[in-house]
């Protein structure tokens, strides 16, 4: 089974949120339905970045790195920084 980290952006105020999941499409739907405490006040959300990882351990390590990131780091990811595998599309 694949594991994913993702970055979404609020259409309302352009803030970013990142997280991890095994089901990124379903997870984005939950965010947009207001079922996440941290994102419900800023719906709708759109994909900015999705990265597939081979294991849960790798996913959690990568998510921790993303949580330390800021908007500048996210922009580097979006623009294809060499250490990434961004598809730019929902998985």
PDB file of N, CA and C in Angstrom:
ATOM      1  N   UNK A   1       0.843  -1.186   0.000  1.00  0.00           N
ATOM      2  CA  UNK A   1       0.000   0.000   0.000  1.00  0.00           C
ATOM      3  C   UNK A   1       0.884   1.245   0.000  1.00  0.00           C
ATOM      4  N   UNK A   2       0.469   2.255  -0.729  1.00  0.00           N
ATOM      5  CA  UNK A   2       1.225   3.500  -0.825  1.00  0.00           C
ATOM      6  C   UNK A   2       0.833   4.457   0.295  1.00  0.00           C
ATOM      7  N   UNK A   3       1.734   5.353   0.589  1.00  0.00           N
ATOM      8  CA  UNK A   3       1.535   6.380   1.605  1.00  0.00           C
ATOM      9  C   UNK A   3       1.852   7.729   0.974  1.00  0.00           C
ATOM     10  N   UNK A   4       1.145   8.766   1.403  1.00  0.00           N
ATOM     11  CA  UNK A   4       1.271  10.065   0.753  1.00  0.00           C
ATOM     12  C   UNK A   4       1.421  11.190   1.766  1.00  0.00           C
ATOM     13  N   UNK A   5       2.183  12.204   1.377  1.00  0.00           N
ATOM     14  CA  UNK A   5       2.163  13.493   2.051  1.00  0.00           C
ATOM     15  C   UNK A   5       1.598  14.480   1.041  1.00  0.00           C
ATOM     16  N   UNK A   6       0.975  15.527   1.546  1.00  0.00           N
ATOM     17  CA  UNK A   6       0.338  16.468   0.630  1.00  0.00           C
ATOM     18  C   UNK A   6       0.373  17.871   1.214  1.00  0.00           C
ATOM     19  N   UNK A   7       0.233  18.838   0.306  1.00  0.00           N
ATOM     20  CA  UNK A   7       0.063  20.235   0.686  1.00  0.00           C
ATOM     21  C   UNK A   7      -1.163  20.727  -0.056  1.00  0.00           C
ATOM     22  N   UNK A   8      -2.056  21.381   0.690  1.00  0.00           N
ATOM     23  CA  UNK A   8      -3.222  22.005   0.087  1.00  0.00           C
ATOM     24  C   UNK A   8      -3.187  23.493   0.419  1.00  0.00           C
ATOM     25  N   UNK A   9      -3.896  24.267  -0.388  1.00  0.00           N
ATOM     26  CA  UNK A   9      -3.944  25.718  -0.185  1.00  0.00           C
ATOM     27  C   UNK A   9      -5.398  26.161  -0.133  1.00  0.00           C
ATOM     28  N   UNK A  10      -5.689  27.046   0.811  1.00  0.00           N
ATOM     29  CA  UNK A  10      -7.031  27.587   0.948  1.00  0.00           C
ATOM     30  C   UNK A  10      -7.277  28.629  -0.135  1.00  0.00           C
ATOM     31  N   UNK A  11      -8.394  28.496  -0.832  1.00  0.00           N
ATOM     32  CA  UNK A  11      -8.786  29.487  -1.830  1.00  0.00           C
ATOM     33  C   UNK A  11      -9.197  30.784  -1.140  1.00  0.00           C
ATOM     34  N   UNK A  12      -9.639  30.690   0.102  1.00  0.00           N
ATOM     35  CA  UNK A  12     -10.128  31.849   0.843  1.00  0.00           C
ATOM     36  C   UNK A  12      -9.010  32.837   1.162  1.00  0.00           C
ATOM     37  N   UNK A  13      -7.897  32.344   1.711  1.00  0.00           N
ATOM     38  CA  UNK A  13      -6.845  33.272   2.135  1.00  0.00           C
ATOM     39  C   UNK A  13      -5.425  32.834   1.763  1.00  0.00           C
ATOM     40  N   UNK A  14      -5.318  31.812   0.901  1.00  0.00           N
ATOM     41  CA  UNK A  14      -4.018  31.338   0.402  1.00  0.00           C
ATOM     42  C   UNK A  14      -3.105  30.747   1.473  1.00  0.00           C
ATOM     43  N   UNK A  15      -3.664  30.341   2.605  1.00  0.00           N
ATOM     44  CA  UNK A  15      -2.834  29.657   3.591  1.00  0.00           C
ATOM     45  C   UNK A  15      -2.639  28.207   3.179  1.00  0.00           C
ATOM     46  N   UNK A  16      -1.555  27.609   3.687  1.00  0.00           N
ATOM     47  CA  UNK A  16      -1.218  26.234   3.355  1.00  0.00           C
ATOM     48  C   UNK A  16      -1.510  25.309   4.535  1.00  0.00           C
ATOM     49  N   UNK A  17      -1.804  24.079   4.207  1.00  0.00           N
ATOM     50  CA  UNK A  17      -1.946  23.029   5.205  1.00  0.00           C
ATOM     51  C   UNK A  17      -1.285  21.793   4.621  1.00  0.00           C
ATOM     52  N   UNK A  18      -0.573  21.043   5.445  1.00  0.00           N
ATOM     53  CA  UNK A  18       0.024  19.805   4.949  1.00  0.00           C
ATOM     54  C   UNK A  18      -0.273  18.675   5.905  1.00  0.00           C
ATOM     55  N   UNK A  19      -0.312  17.487   5.334  1.00  0.00           N
ATOM     56  CA  UNK A  19      -0.626  16.316   6.133  1.00  0.00           C
ATOM     57  C   UNK A  19      -0.193  15.041   5.424  1.00  0.00           C
ATOM     58  N   UNK A  20      -0.630  13.920   5.962  1.00  0.00           N
ATOM     59  CA  UNK A  20      -0.285  12.628   5.388  1.00  0.00           C
ATOM     60  C   UNK A  20      -1.505  11.717   5.443  1.00  0.00           C
ATOM     61  N   UNK A  21      -1.538  10.753   4.530  1.00  0.00           N
ATOM     62  CA  UNK A  21      -2.679   9.860   4.432  1.00  0.00           C
ATOM     63  C   UNK A  21      -2.353   8.702   3.497  1.00  0.00           C
ATOM     64  N   UNK A  22      -3.171   7.681   3.530  1.00  0.00           N
ATOM     65  CA  UNK A  22      -3.091   6.607   2.546  1.00  0.00           C
ATOM     66  C   UNK A  22      -4.095   6.831   1.419  1.00  0.00           C
ATOM     67  N   UNK A  23      -4.995   7.785   1.604  1.00  0.00           N
ATOM     68  CA  UNK A  23      -6.067   8.033   0.648  1.00  0.00           C
ATOM     69  C   UNK A  23      -6.192   9.541   0.391  1.00  0.00           C
ATOM     70  N   UNK A  24      -5.321  10.121  -0.423  1.00  0.00           N
ATOM     71  CA  UNK A  24      -5.294  11.574  -0.571  1.00  0.00           C
ATOM     72  C   UNK A  24      -6.558  12.177  -1.177  1.00  0.00           C
ATOM     73  N   UNK A  25      -7.179  11.528  -2.122  1.00  0.00           N
ATOM     74  CA  UNK A  25      -8.386  12.091  -2.732  1.00  0.00           C
ATOM     75  C   UNK A  25      -9.506  12.173  -1.698  1.00  0.00           C
ATOM     76  N   UNK A  26      -9.720  11.097  -0.963  1.00  0.00           N
ATOM     77  CA  UNK A  26     -10.755  11.090   0.077  1.00  0.00           C
ATOM     78  C   UNK A  26     -10.431  12.102   1.172  1.00  0.00           C
ATOM     79  N   UNK A  27      -9.159  12.243   1.475  1.00  0.00           N
ATOM     80  CA  UNK A  27      -8.765  13.172   2.538  1.00  0.00           C
ATOM     81  C   UNK A  27      -9.036  14.619   2.129  1.00  0.00           C
ATOM     82  N   UNK A  28      -8.769  14.972   0.874  1.00  0.00           N
ATOM     83  CA  UNK A  28      -9.078  16.319   0.398  1.00  0.00           C
ATOM     84  C   UNK A  28     -10.586  16.572   0.479  1.00  0.00           C
ATOM     85  N   UNK A  29     -11.382  15.573   0.148  1.00  0.00           N
ATOM     86  CA  UNK A  29     -12.835  15.719   0.251  1.00  0.00           C
ATOM     87  C   UNK A  29     -13.252  16.008   1.685  1.00  0.00           C
ATOM     88  N   UNK A  30     -12.627  15.332   2.645  1.00  0.00           N
ATOM     89  CA  UNK A  30     -12.940  15.591   4.059  1.00  0.00           C
ATOM     90  C   UNK A  30     -12.608  17.024   4.440  1.00  0.00           C
ATOM     91  N   UNK A  31     -11.449  17.501   3.981  1.00  0.00           N
ATOM     92  CA  UNK A  31     -11.088  18.901   4.252  1.00  0.00           C
ATOM     93  C   UNK A  31     -12.142  19.839   3.673  1.00  0.00           C
ATOM     94  N   UNK A  32     -12.558  19.598   2.448  1.00  0.00           N
ATOM     95  CA  UNK A  32     -13.512  20.490   1.789  1.00  0.00           C
ATOM     96  C   UNK A  32     -14.933  20.352   2.303  1.00  0.00           C
ATOM     97  N   UNK A  33     -15.222  19.274   3.005  1.00  0.00           N
ATOM     98  CA  UNK A  33     -16.540  19.111   3.630  1.00  0.00           C
ATOM     99  C   UNK A  33     -16.553  19.688   5.048  1.00  0.00           C
ATOM    100  N   UNK A  34     -15.436  20.275   5.472  1.00  0.00           N
ATOM    101  CA  UNK A  34     -15.373  20.885   6.796  1.00  0.00           C
ATOM    102  C   UNK A  34     -15.238  19.885   7.930  1.00  0.00           C
ATOM    103  N   UNK A  35     -14.734  18.685   7.653  1.00  0.00           N
ATOM    104  CA  UNK A  35     -14.645  17.656   8.674  1.00  0.00           C
ATOM    105  C   UNK A  35     -13.296  17.622   9.385  1.00  0.00           C
ATOM    106  N   UNK A  36     -12.436  18.566   9.072  1.00  0.00           N
ATOM    107  CA  UNK A  36     -11.153  18.680   9.762  1.00  0.00           C
ATOM    108  C   UNK A  36     -11.157  19.945  10.608  1.00  0.00           C
ATOM    109  N   UNK A  37     -10.864  19.803  11.878  1.00  0.00           N
ATOM    110  CA  UNK A  37     -10.888  20.930  12.804  1.00  0.00           C
ATOM    111  C   UNK A  37     -10.020  22.089  12.324  1.00  0.00           C
ATOM    112  N   UNK A  38      -8.850  21.787  11.811  1.00  0.00           N
ATOM    113  CA  UNK A  38      -7.888  22.833  11.465  1.00  0.00           C
ATOM    114  C   UNK A  38      -8.158  23.490  10.124  1.00  0.00           C
ATOM    115  N   UNK A  39      -8.939  22.865   9.261  1.00  0.00           N
ATOM    116  CA  UNK A  39      -9.138  23.429   7.928  1.00  0.00           C
ATOM    117  C   UNK A  39     -10.581  23.834   7.629  1.00  0.00           C
ATOM    118  N   UNK A  40     -11.504  23.531   8.496  1.00  0.00           N
ATOM    119  CA  UNK A  40     -12.913  23.744   8.167  1.00  0.00           C
ATOM    120  C   UNK A  40     -13.295  25.210   7.981  1.00  0.00           C
ATOM    121  N   UNK A  41     -12.580  26.125   8.588  1.00  0.00           N
ATOM    122  CA  UNK A  41     -12.950  27.534   8.473  1.00  0.00           C
ATOM    123  C   UNK A  41     -12.411  28.194   7.208  1.00  0.00           C
ATOM    124  N   UNK A  42     -11.632  27.445   6.422  1.00  0.00           N
ATOM    125  CA  UNK A  42     -11.015  28.052   5.243  1.00  0.00           C
ATOM    126  C   UNK A  42     -11.307  27.289   3.952  1.00  0.00           C
ATOM    127  N   UNK A  43     -12.417  26.583   3.887  1.00  0.00           N
ATOM    128  CA  UNK A  43     -12.771  25.853   2.676  1.00  0.00           C
ATOM    129  C   UNK A  43     -13.156  26.841   1.578  1.00  0.00           C
ATOM    130  N   UNK A  44     -12.933  26.518   0.333  1.00  0.00           N
ATOM    131  CA  UNK A  44     -12.412  25.277  -0.222  1.00  0.00           C
ATOM    132  C   UNK A  44     -10.879  25.246  -0.265  1.00  0.00           C
ATOM    133  N   UNK A  45     -10.361  24.023  -0.363  1.00  0.00           N
ATOM    134  CA  UNK A  45      -8.919  23.754  -0.460  1.00  0.00           C
ATOM    135  C   UNK A  45      -8.624  23.133  -1.816  1.00  0.00           C
ATOM    136  N   UNK A  46      -7.440  23.436  -2.343  1.00  0.00           N
ATOM    137  CA  UNK A  46      -7.014  22.854  -3.610  1.00  0.00           C
ATOM    138  C   UNK A  46      -5.649  22.203  -3.436  1.00  0.00           C
ATOM    139  N   UNK A  47      -5.370  21.193  -4.278  1.00  0.00           N
ATOM    140  CA  UNK A  47      -4.073  20.518  -4.259  1.00  0.00           C
ATOM    141  C   UNK A  47      -2.971  21.485  -4.649  1.00  0.00           C
ATOM    142  N   UNK A  48      -1.867  21.395  -3.945  1.00  0.00           N
ATOM    143  CA  UNK A  48      -0.657  22.097  -4.323  1.00  0.00           C
ATOM    144  C   UNK A  48       0.450  21.087  -4.598  1.00  0.00           C
ATOM    145  N   UNK A  49       0.489  20.034  -3.796  1.00  0.00           N
ATOM    146  CA  UNK A  49       1.596  19.080  -3.888  1.00  0.00           C
ATOM    147  C   UNK A  49       1.157  17.737  -3.313  1.00  0.00           C
ATOM    148  N   UNK A  50       1.538  16.657  -3.993  1.00  0.00           N
ATOM    149  CA  UNK A  50       1.307  15.304  -3.490  1.00  0.00           C
ATOM    150  C   UNK A  50       2.565  14.488  -3.767  1.00  0.00           C
ATOM    151  N   UNK A  51       3.012  13.760  -2.759  1.00  0.00           N
ATOM    152  CA  UNK A  51       4.206  12.926  -2.913  1.00  0.00           C
ATOM    153  C   UNK A  51       3.915  11.529  -2.380  1.00  0.00           C
ATOM    154  N   UNK A  52       4.214  10.519  -3.170  1.00  0.00           N
ATOM    155  CA  UNK A  52       4.016   9.136  -2.763  1.00  0.00           C
ATOM    156  C   UNK A  52       5.283   8.608  -2.122  1.00  0.00           C
ATOM    157  N   UNK A  53       5.113   7.880  -1.004  1.00  0.00           N
ATOM    158  CA  UNK A  53       6.241   7.296  -0.289  1.00  0.00           C
ATOM    159  C   UNK A  53       6.005   5.805  -0.086  1.00  0.00           C
ATOM    160  N   UNK A  54       7.080   5.023  -0.003  1.00  0.00           N
ATOM    161  CA  UNK A  54       6.939   3.567   0.017  1.00  0.00           C
ATOM    162  C   UNK A  54       6.487   2.953   1.338  1.00  0.00           C
ATOM    163  N   UNK A  55       6.649   3.681   2.448  1.00  0.00           N
ATOM    164  CA  UNK A  55       6.304   3.090   3.739  1.00  0.00           C
ATOM    165  C   UNK A  55       5.712   4.141   4.674  1.00  0.00           C
ATOM    166  N   UNK A  56       5.021   3.663   5.682  1.00  0.00           N
ATOM    167  CA  UNK A  56       4.454   4.569   6.677  1.00  0.00           C
ATOM    168  C   UNK A  56       5.562   5.341   7.388  1.00  0.00           C
ATOM    169  N   UNK A  57       6.647   4.666   7.680  1.00  0.00           N
ATOM    170  CA  UNK A  57       7.781   5.321   8.345  1.00  0.00           C
ATOM    171  C   UNK A  57       8.307   6.478   7.493  1.00  0.00           C
ATOM    172  N   UNK A  58       8.506   6.230   6.200  1.00  0.00           N
ATOM    173  CA  UNK A  58       8.974   7.288   5.304  1.00  0.00           C
ATOM    174  C   UNK A  58       7.977   8.438   5.229  1.00  0.00           C
ATOM    175  N   UNK A  59       6.691   8.091   5.216  1.00  0.00           N
ATOM    176  CA  UNK A  59       5.652   9.112   5.172  1.00  0.00           C
ATOM    177  C   UNK A  59       5.715  10.016   6.404  1.00  0.00           C
ATOM    178  N   UNK A  60       5.846   9.409   7.579  1.00  0.00           N
ATOM    179  CA  UNK A  60       5.867  10.191   8.817  1.00  0.00           C
ATOM    180  C   UNK A  60       7.110  11.068   8.906  1.00  0.00           C
ATOM    181  N   UNK A  61       8.243  10.571   8.443  1.00  0.00           N
ATOM    182  CA  UNK A  61       9.470  11.371   8.424  1.00  0.00           C
ATOM    183  C   UNK A  61       9.311  12.553   7.481  1.00  0.00           C
ATOM    184  N   UNK A  62       8.758  12.282   6.305  1.00  0.00           N
ATOM    185  CA  UNK A  62       8.575  13.354   5.321  1.00  0.00           C
ATOM    186  C   UNK A  62       7.559  14.371   5.808  1.00  0.00           C
ATOM    187  N   UNK A  63       6.487  13.903   6.433  1.00  0.00           N
ATOM    188  CA  UNK A  63       5.488  14.831   6.955  1.00  0.00           C
ATOM    189  C   UNK A  63       6.103  15.741   8.007  1.00  0.00           C
ATOM    190  N   UNK A  64       6.944  15.196   8.865  1.00  0.00           N
ATOM    191  CA  UNK A  64       7.600  16.013   9.889  1.00  0.00           C
ATOM    192  C   UNK A  64       8.436  17.111   9.235  1.00  0.00           C
ATOM    193  N   UNK A  65       9.132  16.766   8.150  1.00  0.00           N
ATOM    194  CA  UNK A  65       9.922  17.769   7.438  1.00  0.00           C
ATOM    195  C   UNK A  65       9.015  18.843   6.838  1.00  0.00           C
ATOM    196  N   UNK A  66       7.893  18.435   6.269  1.00  0.00           N
ATOM    197  CA  UNK A  66       6.956  19.404   5.708  1.00  0.00           C
ATOM    198  C   UNK A  66       6.376  20.306   6.785  1.00  0.00           C
ATOM    199  N   UNK A  67       6.094  19.757   7.953  1.00  0.00           N
ATOM    200  CA  UNK A  67       5.526  20.566   9.037  1.00  0.00           C
ATOM    201  C   UNK A  67       6.486  21.671   9.481  1.00  0.00           C
ATOM    202  N   UNK A  68       7.778  21.441   9.297  1.00  0.00           N
ATOM    203  CA  UNK A  68       8.767  22.476   9.635  1.00  0.00           C
ATOM    204  C   UNK A  68       8.920  23.507   8.523  1.00  0.00           C
ATOM    205  N   UNK A  69       8.341  23.224   7.365  1.00  0.00           N
ATOM    206  CA  UNK A  69       8.493  24.101   6.207  1.00  0.00           C
ATOM    207  C   UNK A  69       7.643  25.352   6.313  1.00  0.00           C
ATOM    208  N   UNK A  70       7.952  26.287   5.446  1.00  0.00           N
ATOM    209  CA  UNK A  70       7.177  27.515   5.366  1.00  0.00           C
ATOM    210  C   UNK A  70       6.756  27.721   3.908  1.00  0.00           C
ATOM    211  N   UNK A  71       6.122  28.841   3.618  1.00  0.00           N
ATOM    212  CA  UNK A  71       5.619  29.087   2.264  1.00  0.00           C
ATOM    213  C   UNK A  71       6.738  29.050   1.235  1.00  0.00           C
ATOM    214  N   UNK A  72       7.910  29.567   1.559  1.00  0.00           N
ATOM    215  CA  UNK A  72       9.027  29.559   0.612  1.00  0.00           C
ATOM    216  C   UNK A  72       9.440  28.124   0.280  1.00  0.00           C
ATOM    217  N   UNK A  73       9.491  27.271   1.277  1.00  0.00           N
ATOM    218  CA  UNK A  73       9.827  25.859   1.056  1.00  0.00           C
ATOM    219  C   UNK A  73       8.773  25.192   0.180  1.00  0.00           C
ATOM    220  N   UNK A  74       7.497  25.486   0.431  1.00  0.00           N
ATOM    221  CA  UNK A  74       6.423  24.914  -0.365  1.00  0.00           C
ATOM    222  C   UNK A  74       6.529  25.361  -1.822  1.00  0.00           C
ATOM    223  N   UNK A  75       6.890  26.617  -2.037  1.00  0.00           N
ATOM    224  CA  UNK A  75       7.050  27.116  -3.406  1.00  0.00           C
ATOM    225  C   UNK A  75       8.184  26.381  -4.119  1.00  0.00           C
ATOM    226  N   UNK A  76       9.242  26.060  -3.400  1.00  0.00           N
ATOM    227  CA  UNK A  76      10.334  25.292  -3.993  1.00  0.00           C
ATOM    228  C   UNK A  76       9.855  23.896  -4.381  1.00  0.00           C
ATOM    229  N   UNK A  77       9.054  23.272  -3.537  1.00  0.00           N
ATOM    230  CA  UNK A  77       8.504  21.949  -3.852  1.00  0.00           C
ATOM    231  C   UNK A  77       7.623  22.006  -5.095  1.00  0.00           C
ATOM    232  N   UNK A  78       6.765  22.993  -5.135  1.00  0.00           N
ATOM    233  CA  UNK A  78       5.820  23.133  -6.236  1.00  0.00           C
ATOM    234  C   UNK A  78       6.563  23.324  -7.561  1.00  0.00           C
ATOM    235  N   UNK A  79       7.665  24.037  -7.508  1.00  0.00           N
ATOM    236  CA  UNK A  79       8.434  24.323  -8.715  1.00  0.00           C
ATOM    237  C   UNK A  79       9.446  23.238  -9.042  1.00  0.00           C
ATOM    238  N   UNK A  80       9.353  22.091  -8.361  1.00  0.00           N
ATOM    239  CA  UNK A  80      10.163  20.940  -8.728  1.00  0.00           C
ATOM    240  C   UNK A  80      11.561  20.916  -8.167  1.00  0.00           C
ATOM    241  N   UNK A  81      11.705  21.253  -6.908  1.00  0.00           N
ATOM    242  CA  UNK A  81      12.998  21.150  -6.244  1.00  0.00           C
ATOM    243  C   UNK A  81      13.525  19.732  -6.440  1.00  0.00           C
ATOM    244  N   UNK A  82      14.817  19.534  -6.707  1.00  0.00           N
ATOM    245  CA  UNK A  82      15.353  18.232  -7.118  1.00  0.00           C
ATOM    246  C   UNK A  82      15.070  17.046  -6.203  1.00  0.00           C
ATOM    247  N   UNK A  83      14.826  17.245  -4.914  1.00  0.00           N
ATOM    248  CA  UNK A  83      14.633  16.080  -4.044  1.00  0.00           C
ATOM    249  C   UNK A  83      13.175  15.660  -3.931  1.00  0.00           C
ATOM    250  N   UNK A  84      12.337  16.083  -4.868  1.00  0.00           N
ATOM    251  CA  UNK A  84      10.917  15.767  -4.775  1.00  0.00           C
ATOM    252  C   UNK A  84      10.441  14.969  -5.972  1.00  0.00           C
ATOM    253  N   UNK A  85       9.245  14.449  -5.822  1.00  0.00           N
ATOM    254  CA  UNK A  85       8.590  13.702  -6.900  1.00  0.00           C
ATOM    255  C   UNK A  85       7.151  14.173  -6.987  1.00  0.00           C
ATOM    256  N   UNK A  86       6.951  15.452  -7.142  1.00  0.00           N
ATOM    257  CA  UNK A  86       5.602  16.009  -7.173  1.00  0.00           C
ATOM    258  C   UNK A  86       4.919  15.736  -8.499  1.00  0.00           C
ATOM    259  N   UNK A  87       3.721  15.267  -8.435  1.00  0.00           N
ATOM    260  CA  UNK A  87       2.959  15.052  -9.651  1.00  0.00           C
ATOM    261  C   UNK A  87       2.146  16.289 -10.007  1.00  0.00           C
ATOM    262  N   UNK A  88       1.849  17.132  -9.003  1.00  0.00           N
ATOM    263  CA  UNK A  88       1.024  18.288  -9.242  1.00  0.00           C
ATOM    264  C   UNK A  88      -0.446  17.951  -9.458  1.00  0.00           C
ATOM    265  N   UNK A  89      -0.786  16.680  -9.422  1.00  0.00           N
ATOM    266  CA  UNK A  89      -2.158  16.237  -9.661  1.00  0.00           C
ATOM    267  C   UNK A  89      -2.610  15.346  -8.510  1.00  0.00           C
ATOM    268  N   UNK A  90      -3.918  15.297  -8.291  1.00  0.00           N
ATOM    269  CA  UNK A  90      -4.425  14.367  -7.281  1.00  0.00           C
ATOM    270  C   UNK A  90      -4.050  12.936  -7.636  1.00  0.00           C
ATOM    271  N   UNK A  91      -3.840  12.137  -6.644  1.00  0.00           N
ATOM    272  CA  UNK A  91      -3.476  10.738  -6.871  1.00  0.00           C
ATOM    273  C   UNK A  91      -4.718   9.889  -6.965  1.00  0.00           C
TER     274      UNK A  91
END
